[in-house]
Amino acid sequence: MTRRAYLYFALTFLLGAVVGGAGFFFFGWYTGHWHRGFNKDRVVRHMSRDLKLSPAQTEQLSGIMDDSMQKFRALREQGKPQFDALQAETRDRIRQILTPEQVIRFNEMVRRLDEAQKRRRPPGDP
């Protein structure tokens, strides 16, 4: 083969690797597999470094973050029954417009979505 054929082969391989890598990245990003969850320690370290906080300020910031996280969890738990009821109502209304075969497929889809949501939920979250 000529040198040009080798060059085309190498460029095609390189282009395939780039396009494949970009596709893999976007799939992971948009499906939520690569999103980091909230991490209080990471936020405190970042703010301490960027704002040049003293050790006392860092400790106070950590306490503020702990308190806010507890209030956020309590607020989320308080509203959870309402969100669950709305979700159940929406699913029931959707089932009413579906054929029996579609209902079976819809129920399976809902089951998979609920399982995926449980897997993504951080440990300790209800």
N, C-alpha and C. Protein backbone atom coordinates (compact mmCIF):
# COMPACT_ATOMS: atom_id res chain seq x y z
N MET A 1 0.85 -1.18 0.00
CA MET A 1 0.00 0.00 0.00
C MET A 1 0.89 1.24 0.00
N THR A 2 0.28 2.29 -0.46
CA THR A 2 1.05 3.52 -0.54
C THR A 2 1.00 4.26 0.78
N ARG A 3 1.83 5.23 0.86
CA ARG A 3 1.89 6.05 2.06
C ARG A 3 0.57 6.78 2.28
N ARG A 4 -0.07 7.20 1.21
CA ARG A 4 -1.35 7.91 1.30
C ARG A 4 -2.43 7.00 1.89
N ALA A 5 -2.45 5.73 1.49
CA ALA A 5 -3.43 4.79 2.03
C ALA A 5 -3.23 4.61 3.53
N TYR A 6 -2.00 4.51 3.98
CA TYR A 6 -1.73 4.41 5.41
C TYR A 6 -2.19 5.66 6.15
N LEU A 7 -1.97 6.80 5.55
CA LEU A 7 -2.40 8.06 6.15
C LEU A 7 -3.92 8.10 6.28
N TYR A 8 -4.64 7.71 5.22
CA TYR A 8 -6.10 7.70 5.28
C TYR A 8 -6.60 6.71 6.33
N PHE A 9 -5.94 5.56 6.39
CA PHE A 9 -6.32 4.57 7.40
C PHE A 9 -6.12 5.13 8.81
N ALA A 10 -4.99 5.74 9.05
CA ALA A 10 -4.70 6.31 10.38
C ALA A 10 -5.67 7.44 10.71
N LEU A 11 -5.96 8.32 9.75
CA LEU A 11 -6.90 9.41 10.00
C LEU A 11 -8.30 8.89 10.27
N THR A 12 -8.72 7.87 9.53
CA THR A 12 -10.03 7.28 9.75
C THR A 12 -10.11 6.67 11.15
N PHE A 13 -9.08 5.96 11.56
CA PHE A 13 -9.04 5.36 12.88
C PHE A 13 -9.08 6.45 13.96
N LEU A 14 -8.29 7.49 13.79
CA LEU A 14 -8.26 8.60 14.75
C LEU A 14 -9.60 9.30 14.84
N LEU A 15 -10.21 9.57 13.69
CA LEU A 15 -11.52 10.22 13.67
C LEU A 15 -12.56 9.34 14.36
N GLY A 16 -12.52 8.04 14.11
CA GLY A 16 -13.44 7.12 14.78
C GLY A 16 -13.27 7.13 16.28
N ALA A 17 -12.03 7.17 16.73
CA ALA A 17 -11.77 7.20 18.17
C ALA A 17 -12.29 8.49 18.79
N VAL A 18 -12.10 9.61 18.11
CA VAL A 18 -12.57 10.90 18.64
C VAL A 18 -14.09 10.94 18.70
N VAL A 19 -14.74 10.55 17.61
CA VAL A 19 -16.21 10.56 17.57
C VAL A 19 -16.77 9.58 18.59
N GLY A 20 -16.19 8.39 18.68
CA GLY A 20 -16.65 7.41 19.67
C GLY A 20 -16.47 7.91 21.09
N GLY A 21 -15.33 8.52 21.38
CA GLY A 21 -15.09 9.06 22.72
C GLY A 21 -16.06 10.17 23.07
N ALA A 22 -16.31 11.05 22.10
CA ALA A 22 -17.27 12.14 22.34
C ALA A 22 -18.67 11.59 22.57
N GLY A 23 -19.05 10.61 21.79
CA GLY A 23 -20.37 9.99 21.98
C GLY A 23 -20.49 9.33 23.34
N PHE A 24 -19.45 8.62 23.74
CA PHE A 24 -19.45 7.97 25.05
C PHE A 24 -19.56 9.01 26.17
N PHE A 25 -18.82 10.11 26.04
CA PHE A 25 -18.87 11.16 27.05
C PHE A 25 -20.27 11.76 27.15
N PHE A 26 -20.86 12.13 26.01
CA PHE A 26 -22.17 12.76 26.04
C PHE A 26 -23.24 11.80 26.53
N PHE A 27 -23.14 10.53 26.19
CA PHE A 27 -24.08 9.55 26.71
C PHE A 27 -23.98 9.50 28.23
N GLY A 28 -22.77 9.40 28.75
CA GLY A 28 -22.58 9.34 30.20
C GLY A 28 -23.05 10.61 30.90
N TRP A 29 -22.78 11.74 30.30
CA TRP A 29 -23.15 13.01 30.92
C TRP A 29 -24.66 13.21 30.93
N TYR A 30 -25.30 13.00 29.81
CA TYR A 30 -26.73 13.29 29.70
C TYR A 30 -27.61 12.22 30.31
N THR A 31 -27.10 11.04 30.56
CA THR A 31 -27.89 10.04 31.26
C THR A 31 -27.69 10.15 32.76
N GLY A 32 -26.81 11.03 33.19
CA GLY A 32 -26.61 11.27 34.62
C GLY A 32 -25.61 10.37 35.28
N HIS A 33 -24.92 9.54 34.53
CA HIS A 33 -23.96 8.62 35.14
C HIS A 33 -22.69 9.32 35.63
N TRP A 34 -22.38 10.50 35.10
CA TRP A 34 -21.13 11.15 35.47
C TRP A 34 -21.32 12.41 36.28
N HIS A 35 -22.52 12.65 36.74
CA HIS A 35 -22.75 13.83 37.58
C HIS A 35 -22.36 13.49 39.01
N ARG A 36 -21.57 14.34 39.59
CA ARG A 36 -21.21 14.13 40.98
C ARG A 36 -22.33 14.67 41.85
N GLY A 37 -22.66 13.95 42.87
CA GLY A 37 -23.67 14.41 43.82
C GLY A 37 -23.09 15.50 44.72
N PHE A 38 -23.95 16.09 45.51
CA PHE A 38 -23.51 17.14 46.42
C PHE A 38 -22.62 16.52 47.49
N ASN A 39 -21.50 17.16 47.74
CA ASN A 39 -20.56 16.70 48.75
C ASN A 39 -20.17 17.90 49.60
N LYS A 40 -20.65 17.92 50.83
CA LYS A 40 -20.43 19.07 51.71
C LYS A 40 -18.94 19.34 51.92
N ASP A 41 -18.17 18.29 52.14
CA ASP A 41 -16.73 18.48 52.39
C ASP A 41 -16.03 19.12 51.19
N ARG A 42 -16.41 18.70 49.99
CA ARG A 42 -15.81 19.29 48.78
C ARG A 42 -16.17 20.77 48.67
N VAL A 43 -17.43 21.12 48.98
CA VAL A 43 -17.85 22.52 48.91
C VAL A 43 -17.11 23.34 49.95
N VAL A 44 -16.99 22.82 51.16
CA VAL A 44 -16.30 23.56 52.23
C VAL A 44 -14.83 23.76 51.86
N ARG A 45 -14.17 22.70 51.34
CA ARG A 45 -12.77 22.85 50.92
C ARG A 45 -12.63 23.90 49.82
N HIS A 46 -13.52 23.83 48.86
CA HIS A 46 -13.46 24.77 47.73
C HIS A 46 -13.65 26.22 48.22
N MET A 47 -14.66 26.44 49.06
CA MET A 47 -14.91 27.80 49.56
C MET A 47 -13.78 28.27 50.46
N SER A 48 -13.26 27.37 51.29
CA SER A 48 -12.16 27.74 52.19
C SER A 48 -10.94 28.18 51.39
N ARG A 49 -10.64 27.43 50.33
CA ARG A 49 -9.48 27.77 49.50
C ARG A 49 -9.72 29.07 48.72
N ASP A 50 -10.87 29.17 48.06
CA ASP A 50 -11.13 30.34 47.21
C ASP A 50 -11.33 31.63 48.01
N LEU A 51 -11.96 31.51 49.18
CA LEU A 51 -12.23 32.70 49.99
C LEU A 51 -11.16 32.94 51.05
N LYS A 52 -10.18 32.02 51.11
CA LYS A 52 -9.10 32.12 52.11
C LYS A 52 -9.67 32.25 53.52
N LEU A 53 -10.54 31.30 53.87
CA LEU A 53 -11.18 31.33 55.19
C LEU A 53 -10.21 30.87 56.26
N SER A 54 -10.38 31.42 57.44
CA SER A 54 -9.58 30.99 58.58
C SER A 54 -10.14 29.64 59.06
N PRO A 55 -9.36 28.92 59.88
CA PRO A 55 -9.88 27.64 60.41
C PRO A 55 -11.20 27.81 61.17
N ALA A 56 -11.34 28.89 61.89
CA ALA A 56 -12.60 29.13 62.62
C ALA A 56 -13.75 29.36 61.65
N GLN A 57 -13.50 30.12 60.58
CA GLN A 57 -14.54 30.35 59.58
C GLN A 57 -14.91 29.04 58.86
N THR A 58 -13.91 28.23 58.59
CA THR A 58 -14.16 26.95 57.93
C THR A 58 -15.04 26.06 58.80
N GLU A 59 -14.75 26.05 60.10
CA GLU A 59 -15.56 25.26 61.02
C GLU A 59 -17.00 25.79 61.08
N GLN A 60 -17.15 27.12 61.11
CA GLN A 60 -18.48 27.72 61.13
C GLN A 60 -19.23 27.41 59.83
N LEU A 61 -18.52 27.48 58.70
CA LEU A 61 -19.13 27.18 57.40
C LEU A 61 -19.61 25.73 57.38
N SER A 62 -18.82 24.82 57.90
CA SER A 62 -19.20 23.42 57.95
C SER A 62 -20.46 23.23 58.78
N GLY A 63 -20.55 23.93 59.91
CA GLY A 63 -21.75 23.87 60.76
C GLY A 63 -22.97 24.43 60.05
N ILE A 64 -22.78 25.53 59.34
CA ILE A 64 -23.88 26.13 58.58
C ILE A 64 -24.38 25.16 57.52
N MET A 65 -23.45 24.53 56.82
CA MET A 65 -23.82 23.58 55.77
C MET A 65 -24.56 22.38 56.36
N ASP A 66 -24.08 21.87 57.51
CA ASP A 66 -24.77 20.74 58.17
C ASP A 66 -26.20 21.12 58.53
N ASP A 67 -26.36 22.29 59.12
CA ASP A 67 -27.69 22.76 59.52
C ASP A 67 -28.61 22.92 58.31
N SER A 68 -28.09 23.50 57.26
CA SER A 68 -28.90 23.71 56.05
C SER A 68 -29.28 22.38 55.41
N MET A 69 -28.36 21.43 55.40
CA MET A 69 -28.66 20.12 54.82
C MET A 69 -29.77 19.41 55.61
N GLN A 70 -29.75 19.53 56.93
CA GLN A 70 -30.81 18.93 57.75
C GLN A 70 -32.16 19.58 57.46
N LYS A 71 -32.17 20.90 57.33
CA LYS A 71 -33.42 21.60 57.02
C LYS A 71 -33.92 21.24 55.62
N PHE A 72 -33.00 21.09 54.68
CA PHE A 72 -33.38 20.72 53.33
C PHE A 72 -34.00 19.33 53.31
N ARG A 73 -33.40 18.38 54.03
CA ARG A 73 -33.95 17.03 54.10
C ARG A 73 -35.35 17.04 54.72
N ALA A 74 -35.51 17.82 55.80
CA ALA A 74 -36.82 17.90 56.46
C ALA A 74 -37.86 18.49 55.51
N LEU A 75 -37.48 19.52 54.78
CA LEU A 75 -38.41 20.15 53.84
C LEU A 75 -38.77 19.18 52.72
N ARG A 76 -37.78 18.44 52.24
CA ARG A 76 -38.04 17.47 51.17
C ARG A 76 -38.96 16.37 51.69
N GLU A 77 -38.75 15.89 52.91
CA GLU A 77 -39.61 14.86 53.49
C GLU A 77 -41.03 15.38 53.70
N GLN A 78 -41.15 16.65 54.06
CA GLN A 78 -42.46 17.24 54.28
C GLN A 78 -43.26 17.29 52.97
N GLY A 79 -42.60 17.57 51.87
CA GLY A 79 -43.30 17.68 50.59
C GLY A 79 -43.37 16.38 49.81
N LYS A 80 -42.63 15.35 50.25
CA LYS A 80 -42.58 14.08 49.52
C LYS A 80 -43.95 13.45 49.33
N PRO A 81 -44.80 13.37 50.34
CA PRO A 81 -46.12 12.75 50.12
C PRO A 81 -46.93 13.46 49.03
N GLN A 82 -46.83 14.77 48.97
CA GLN A 82 -47.57 15.51 47.94
C GLN A 82 -47.01 15.20 46.55
N PHE A 83 -45.70 15.14 46.41
CA PHE A 83 -45.10 14.80 45.12
C PHE A 83 -45.45 13.36 44.72
N ASP A 84 -45.41 12.45 45.68
CA ASP A 84 -45.76 11.06 45.39
C ASP A 84 -47.22 10.94 44.95
N ALA A 85 -48.11 11.67 45.62
CA ALA A 85 -49.53 11.63 45.25
C ALA A 85 -49.74 12.19 43.84
N LEU A 86 -49.06 13.28 43.51
CA LEU A 86 -49.18 13.86 42.17
C LEU A 86 -48.63 12.90 41.12
N GLN A 87 -47.52 12.24 41.43
CA GLN A 87 -46.94 11.28 40.49
C GLN A 87 -47.90 10.11 40.27
N ALA A 88 -48.49 9.60 41.34
CA ALA A 88 -49.44 8.48 41.22
C ALA A 88 -50.67 8.90 40.42
N GLU A 89 -51.16 10.09 40.67
CA GLU A 89 -52.33 10.60 39.93
C GLU A 89 -52.01 10.72 38.44
N THR A 90 -50.85 11.25 38.14
CA THR A 90 -50.44 11.41 36.74
C THR A 90 -50.34 10.06 36.06
N ARG A 91 -49.72 9.10 36.73
CA ARG A 91 -49.58 7.76 36.14
C ARG A 91 -50.95 7.11 35.92
N ASP A 92 -51.86 7.29 36.87
CA ASP A 92 -53.20 6.73 36.71
C ASP A 92 -53.94 7.36 35.54
N ARG A 93 -53.79 8.66 35.38
CA ARG A 93 -54.45 9.33 34.25
C ARG A 93 -53.87 8.85 32.92
N ILE A 94 -52.56 8.60 32.90
CA ILE A 94 -51.94 8.08 31.67
C ILE A 94 -52.48 6.68 31.38
N ARG A 95 -52.59 5.85 32.41
CA ARG A 95 -53.09 4.49 32.22
C ARG A 95 -54.51 4.47 31.63
N GLN A 96 -55.30 5.49 31.97
CA GLN A 96 -56.68 5.54 31.48
C GLN A 96 -56.77 5.73 29.97
N ILE A 97 -55.77 6.31 29.35
CA ILE A 97 -55.82 6.54 27.91
C ILE A 97 -55.15 5.42 27.11
N LEU A 98 -54.56 4.45 27.81
CA LEU A 98 -53.81 3.40 27.14
C LEU A 98 -54.66 2.14 26.93
N THR A 99 -54.27 1.38 25.94
CA THR A 99 -54.90 0.07 25.73
C THR A 99 -54.33 -0.89 26.77
N PRO A 100 -54.97 -2.06 26.98
CA PRO A 100 -54.44 -3.02 27.96
C PRO A 100 -53.00 -3.44 27.67
N GLU A 101 -52.64 -3.61 26.40
CA GLU A 101 -51.26 -3.97 26.06
C GLU A 101 -50.30 -2.83 26.40
N GLN A 102 -50.75 -1.61 26.14
CA GLN A 102 -49.92 -0.45 26.43
C GLN A 102 -49.75 -0.27 27.94
N VAL A 103 -50.79 -0.58 28.70
CA VAL A 103 -50.71 -0.46 30.16
C VAL A 103 -49.62 -1.39 30.70
N ILE A 104 -49.56 -2.60 30.17
CA ILE A 104 -48.53 -3.55 30.61
C ILE A 104 -47.14 -2.99 30.33
N ARG A 105 -46.95 -2.45 29.14
CA ARG A 105 -45.65 -1.88 28.78
C ARG A 105 -45.36 -0.63 29.61
N PHE A 106 -46.38 0.18 29.85
CA PHE A 106 -46.20 1.40 30.66
C PHE A 106 -45.81 1.03 32.09
N ASN A 107 -46.47 0.03 32.66
CA ASN A 107 -46.13 -0.39 34.03
C ASN A 107 -44.69 -0.88 34.12
N GLU A 108 -44.24 -1.59 33.11
CA GLU A 108 -42.84 -2.04 33.09
C GLU A 108 -41.89 -0.85 32.99
N MET A 109 -42.25 0.13 32.15
CA MET A 109 -41.42 1.32 32.01
C MET A 109 -41.34 2.08 33.34
N VAL A 110 -42.48 2.21 34.02
CA VAL A 110 -42.52 2.91 35.31
C VAL A 110 -41.67 2.16 36.33
N ARG A 111 -41.76 0.82 36.32
CA ARG A 111 -40.97 0.03 37.26
C ARG A 111 -39.48 0.26 37.05
N ARG A 112 -39.04 0.27 35.77
CA ARG A 112 -37.62 0.51 35.48
C ARG A 112 -37.20 1.92 35.91
N LEU A 113 -38.05 2.90 35.65
CA LEU A 113 -37.72 4.28 36.04
C LEU A 113 -37.60 4.40 37.56
N ASP A 114 -38.53 3.77 38.27
CA ASP A 114 -38.48 3.83 39.74
C ASP A 114 -37.22 3.14 40.29
N GLU A 115 -36.84 2.01 39.69
CA GLU A 115 -35.62 1.32 40.13
C GLU A 115 -34.39 2.18 39.86
N ALA A 116 -34.33 2.80 38.68
CA ALA A 116 -33.18 3.65 38.34
C ALA A 116 -33.11 4.83 39.30
N GLN A 117 -34.25 5.38 39.64
CA GLN A 117 -34.27 6.52 40.57
C GLN A 117 -33.78 6.10 41.95
N LYS A 118 -34.15 4.90 42.39
CA LYS A 118 -33.69 4.42 43.70
C LYS A 118 -32.18 4.20 43.70
N ARG A 119 -31.63 3.71 42.57
CA ARG A 119 -30.18 3.49 42.49
C ARG A 119 -29.42 4.81 42.52
N ARG A 120 -29.98 5.85 41.93
CA ARG A 120 -29.29 7.15 41.89
C ARG A 120 -29.40 7.90 43.19
N ARG A 121 -30.33 7.52 44.04
CA ARG A 121 -30.53 8.23 45.30
C ARG A 121 -29.33 8.01 46.21
N PRO A 122 -28.83 9.08 46.82
CA PRO A 122 -27.67 8.94 47.71
C PRO A 122 -28.00 8.08 48.91
N PRO A 123 -27.00 7.42 49.49
CA PRO A 123 -27.23 6.59 50.68
C PRO A 123 -27.79 7.44 51.81
N GLY A 124 -28.75 6.87 52.53
CA GLY A 124 -29.36 7.60 53.64
C GLY A 124 -30.55 8.42 53.23
N ASP A 125 -30.80 8.56 51.92
CA ASP A 125 -31.97 9.28 51.44
C ASP A 125 -33.13 8.31 51.36
N PRO A 126 -34.33 8.74 51.76
CA PRO A 126 -35.49 7.84 51.71
C PRO A 126 -35.95 7.60 50.29
